[in-house]
Amino acid sequence: MEQLLEILSDLHPEVDFEECDTLIDDGILDSFDIVSLISEINEEFDVVISAEHIIPENFNSAEALYALIERLEEE
């Protein structure tokens, strides 16, 4: 989780990603952020986030995003 929080903090250092659960709903993360995130996550965690996984529920919080990464790692 620390690696993910670091990636997120690099994008938006002003956001408390451990507490925020409305990253998409509140427009904190935009489409460019999502593309950057996916690229960094694919590289850092050696997973592939396909189009079917790119839904707001998976990106609204660091916790949800980390849960997605863990599911992908198990596949």
N, C-alpha and C. Protein backbone atom coordinates (compact mmCIF):
# COMPACT_ATOMS: atom_id res chain seq x y z
N MET A 1 0.83 -1.20 0.00
CA MET A 1 0.00 0.00 0.00
C MET A 1 0.88 1.26 0.00
N GLU A 2 2.02 1.19 0.67
CA GLU A 2 2.90 2.36 0.73
C GLU A 2 3.35 2.79 -0.66
N GLN A 3 3.65 1.82 -1.52
CA GLN A 3 4.07 2.14 -2.88
C GLN A 3 2.97 2.89 -3.62
N LEU A 4 1.73 2.42 -3.46
CA LEU A 4 0.61 3.06 -4.12
C LEU A 4 0.40 4.48 -3.58
N LEU A 5 0.47 4.65 -2.28
CA LEU A 5 0.31 5.98 -1.69
C LEU A 5 1.39 6.94 -2.20
N GLU A 6 2.59 6.42 -2.39
CA GLU A 6 3.68 7.25 -2.91
C GLU A 6 3.39 7.69 -4.35
N ILE A 7 2.89 6.76 -5.16
CA ILE A 7 2.54 7.09 -6.55
C ILE A 7 1.45 8.16 -6.56
N LEU A 8 0.42 7.96 -5.75
CA LEU A 8 -0.68 8.92 -5.68
C LEU A 8 -0.20 10.28 -5.19
N SER A 9 0.64 10.29 -4.17
CA SER A 9 1.16 11.54 -3.62
C SER A 9 2.00 12.31 -4.63
N ASP A 10 2.70 11.58 -5.48
CA ASP A 10 3.48 12.24 -6.52
C ASP A 10 2.56 13.00 -7.49
N LEU A 11 1.36 12.46 -7.72
CA LEU A 11 0.40 13.11 -8.61
C LEU A 11 -0.23 14.35 -7.96
N HIS A 12 -0.64 14.18 -6.70
CA HIS A 12 -1.34 15.25 -5.98
C HIS A 12 -0.87 15.29 -4.52
N PRO A 13 0.24 15.95 -4.25
CA PRO A 13 0.78 15.97 -2.88
C PRO A 13 -0.15 16.62 -1.86
N GLU A 14 -1.09 17.43 -2.33
CA GLU A 14 -1.99 18.14 -1.41
C GLU A 14 -3.14 17.29 -0.90
N VAL A 15 -3.31 16.07 -1.42
CA VAL A 15 -4.47 15.23 -1.07
C VAL A 15 -4.06 14.19 -0.03
N ASP A 16 -4.92 13.98 0.97
CA ASP A 16 -4.72 12.92 1.96
C ASP A 16 -5.36 11.64 1.41
N PHE A 17 -4.58 10.85 0.70
CA PHE A 17 -5.10 9.66 0.03
C PHE A 17 -5.50 8.56 1.00
N GLU A 18 -5.01 8.62 2.22
CA GLU A 18 -5.40 7.60 3.20
C GLU A 18 -6.82 7.83 3.69
N GLU A 19 -7.31 9.05 3.61
CA GLU A 19 -8.65 9.39 4.10
C GLU A 19 -9.68 9.60 3.00
N CYS A 20 -9.25 10.08 1.85
CA CYS A 20 -10.19 10.47 0.79
C CYS A 20 -10.76 9.25 0.08
N ASP A 21 -12.09 9.23 -0.05
CA ASP A 21 -12.74 8.13 -0.77
C ASP A 21 -13.67 8.65 -1.87
N THR A 22 -13.36 9.85 -2.34
CA THR A 22 -14.14 10.46 -3.42
C THR A 22 -13.21 11.05 -4.49
N LEU A 23 -12.16 10.34 -4.80
CA LEU A 23 -11.15 10.85 -5.74
C LEU A 23 -11.73 11.13 -7.12
N ILE A 24 -12.61 10.25 -7.58
CA ILE A 24 -13.24 10.44 -8.88
C ILE A 24 -14.47 11.34 -8.73
N ASP A 25 -15.30 11.03 -7.74
CA ASP A 25 -16.55 11.77 -7.54
C ASP A 25 -16.31 13.27 -7.37
N ASP A 26 -15.23 13.64 -6.70
CA ASP A 26 -14.93 15.05 -6.46
C ASP A 26 -14.00 15.65 -7.51
N GLY A 27 -13.64 14.87 -8.52
CA GLY A 27 -12.80 15.38 -9.60
C GLY A 27 -11.35 15.59 -9.22
N ILE A 28 -10.90 14.95 -8.15
CA ILE A 28 -9.50 15.08 -7.74
C ILE A 28 -8.60 14.41 -8.77
N LEU A 29 -9.01 13.22 -9.22
CA LEU A 29 -8.28 12.53 -10.28
C LEU A 29 -9.03 12.74 -11.59
N ASP A 30 -8.31 13.23 -12.60
CA ASP A 30 -8.92 13.38 -13.92
C ASP A 30 -8.43 12.27 -14.85
N SER A 31 -8.86 12.31 -16.08
CA SER A 31 -8.53 11.23 -17.01
C SER A 31 -7.02 11.10 -17.23
N PHE A 32 -6.32 12.22 -17.27
CA PHE A 32 -4.86 12.16 -17.42
C PHE A 32 -4.22 11.49 -16.21
N ASP A 33 -4.71 11.82 -15.02
CA ASP A 33 -4.21 11.18 -13.80
C ASP A 33 -4.42 9.67 -13.84
N ILE A 34 -5.59 9.27 -14.31
CA ILE A 34 -5.91 7.84 -14.39
C ILE A 34 -4.94 7.12 -15.33
N VAL A 35 -4.70 7.71 -16.49
CA VAL A 35 -3.77 7.11 -17.45
C VAL A 35 -2.38 7.01 -16.83
N SER A 36 -1.93 8.06 -16.17
CA SER A 36 -0.61 8.05 -15.51
C SER A 36 -0.56 6.99 -14.42
N LEU A 37 -1.62 6.94 -13.63
CA LEU A 37 -1.70 5.96 -12.55
C LEU A 37 -1.61 4.54 -13.07
N ILE A 38 -2.40 4.25 -14.09
CA ILE A 38 -2.41 2.89 -14.66
C ILE A 38 -1.03 2.50 -15.14
N SER A 39 -0.37 3.42 -15.82
CA SER A 39 0.98 3.14 -16.33
C SER A 39 1.94 2.84 -15.18
N GLU A 40 1.92 3.67 -14.15
CA GLU A 40 2.83 3.47 -13.02
C GLU A 40 2.50 2.20 -12.24
N ILE A 41 1.21 1.93 -12.06
CA ILE A 41 0.80 0.72 -11.33
C ILE A 41 1.20 -0.52 -12.11
N ASN A 42 0.97 -0.51 -13.43
CA ASN A 42 1.36 -1.66 -14.25
C ASN A 42 2.85 -1.95 -14.10
N GLU A 43 3.64 -0.90 -14.09
CA GLU A 43 5.09 -1.06 -13.97
C GLU A 43 5.51 -1.47 -12.57
N GLU A 44 4.99 -0.79 -11.57
CA GLU A 44 5.41 -1.01 -10.17
C GLU A 44 4.94 -2.35 -9.62
N PHE A 45 3.71 -2.74 -9.96
CA PHE A 45 3.12 -3.94 -9.37
C PHE A 45 3.07 -5.12 -10.34
N ASP A 46 3.53 -4.91 -11.57
CA ASP A 46 3.55 -5.96 -12.59
C ASP A 46 2.15 -6.57 -12.80
N VAL A 47 1.15 -5.70 -12.93
CA VAL A 47 -0.21 -6.13 -13.24
C VAL A 47 -0.68 -5.35 -14.46
N VAL A 48 -1.77 -5.81 -15.06
CA VAL A 48 -2.35 -5.11 -16.19
C VAL A 48 -3.77 -4.71 -15.83
N ILE A 49 -4.00 -3.41 -15.80
CA ILE A 49 -5.35 -2.89 -15.54
C ILE A 49 -6.00 -2.69 -16.89
N SER A 50 -6.93 -3.58 -17.22
CA SER A 50 -7.60 -3.52 -18.52
C SER A 50 -8.78 -2.55 -18.46
N ALA A 51 -9.33 -2.26 -19.62
CA ALA A 51 -10.42 -1.29 -19.74
C ALA A 51 -11.61 -1.64 -18.85
N GLU A 52 -11.89 -2.92 -18.69
CA GLU A 52 -13.05 -3.32 -17.87
C GLU A 52 -12.89 -2.95 -16.40
N HIS A 53 -11.66 -2.74 -15.96
CA HIS A 53 -11.39 -2.37 -14.57
C HIS A 53 -11.40 -0.86 -14.33
N ILE A 54 -11.45 -0.10 -15.41
CA ILE A 54 -11.38 1.36 -15.28
C ILE A 54 -12.80 1.91 -15.06
N ILE A 55 -13.22 1.77 -13.82
CA ILE A 55 -14.53 2.26 -13.39
C ILE A 55 -14.33 3.09 -12.13
N PRO A 56 -15.20 4.07 -11.88
CA PRO A 56 -15.00 4.95 -10.72
C PRO A 56 -14.83 4.21 -9.39
N GLU A 57 -15.55 3.12 -9.21
CA GLU A 57 -15.47 2.39 -7.94
C GLU A 57 -14.05 1.92 -7.64
N ASN A 58 -13.29 1.60 -8.67
CA ASN A 58 -11.92 1.11 -8.47
C ASN A 58 -10.91 2.23 -8.24
N PHE A 59 -11.30 3.47 -8.53
CA PHE A 59 -10.36 4.59 -8.44
C PHE A 59 -10.79 5.68 -7.46
N ASN A 60 -11.88 5.48 -6.74
CA ASN A 60 -12.39 6.51 -5.84
C ASN A 60 -11.56 6.66 -4.57
N SER A 61 -10.80 5.63 -4.21
CA SER A 61 -9.97 5.71 -3.01
C SER A 61 -8.71 4.87 -3.21
N ALA A 62 -7.70 5.19 -2.43
CA ALA A 62 -6.47 4.39 -2.48
C ALA A 62 -6.76 2.96 -2.06
N GLU A 63 -7.65 2.81 -1.09
CA GLU A 63 -8.02 1.47 -0.61
C GLU A 63 -8.66 0.63 -1.72
N ALA A 64 -9.59 1.23 -2.47
CA ALA A 64 -10.24 0.52 -3.57
C ALA A 64 -9.24 0.18 -4.67
N LEU A 65 -8.36 1.09 -4.94
CA LEU A 65 -7.35 0.87 -5.97
C LEU A 65 -6.39 -0.24 -5.55
N TYR A 66 -6.01 -0.24 -4.28
CA TYR A 66 -5.11 -1.29 -3.80
C TYR A 66 -5.82 -2.65 -3.81
N ALA A 67 -7.10 -2.68 -3.51
CA ALA A 67 -7.87 -3.93 -3.58
C ALA A 67 -7.88 -4.46 -5.01
N LEU A 68 -8.02 -3.57 -5.99
CA LEU A 68 -7.97 -3.96 -7.40
C LEU A 68 -6.60 -4.56 -7.73
N ILE A 69 -5.55 -3.90 -7.29
CA ILE A 69 -4.19 -4.40 -7.55
C ILE A 69 -4.02 -5.79 -6.96
N GLU A 70 -4.49 -5.99 -5.73
CA GLU A 70 -4.37 -7.31 -5.09
C GLU A 70 -5.15 -8.37 -5.86
N ARG A 71 -6.35 -8.03 -6.35
CA ARG A 71 -7.13 -9.00 -7.15
C ARG A 71 -6.37 -9.35 -8.42
N LEU A 72 -5.80 -8.36 -9.06
CA LEU A 72 -5.06 -8.59 -10.31
C LEU A 72 -3.80 -9.41 -10.07
N GLU A 73 -3.16 -9.20 -8.95
CA GLU A 73 -1.96 -9.98 -8.63
C GLU A 73 -2.29 -11.46 -8.43
N GLU A 74 -3.50 -11.74 -7.95
CA GLU A 74 -3.91 -13.13 -7.71
C GLU A 74 -4.26 -13.87 -8.99
N GLU A 75 -4.61 -13.10 -10.03
CA GLU A 75 -5.01 -13.73 -11.30
C GLU A 75 -3.84 -14.35 -12.02
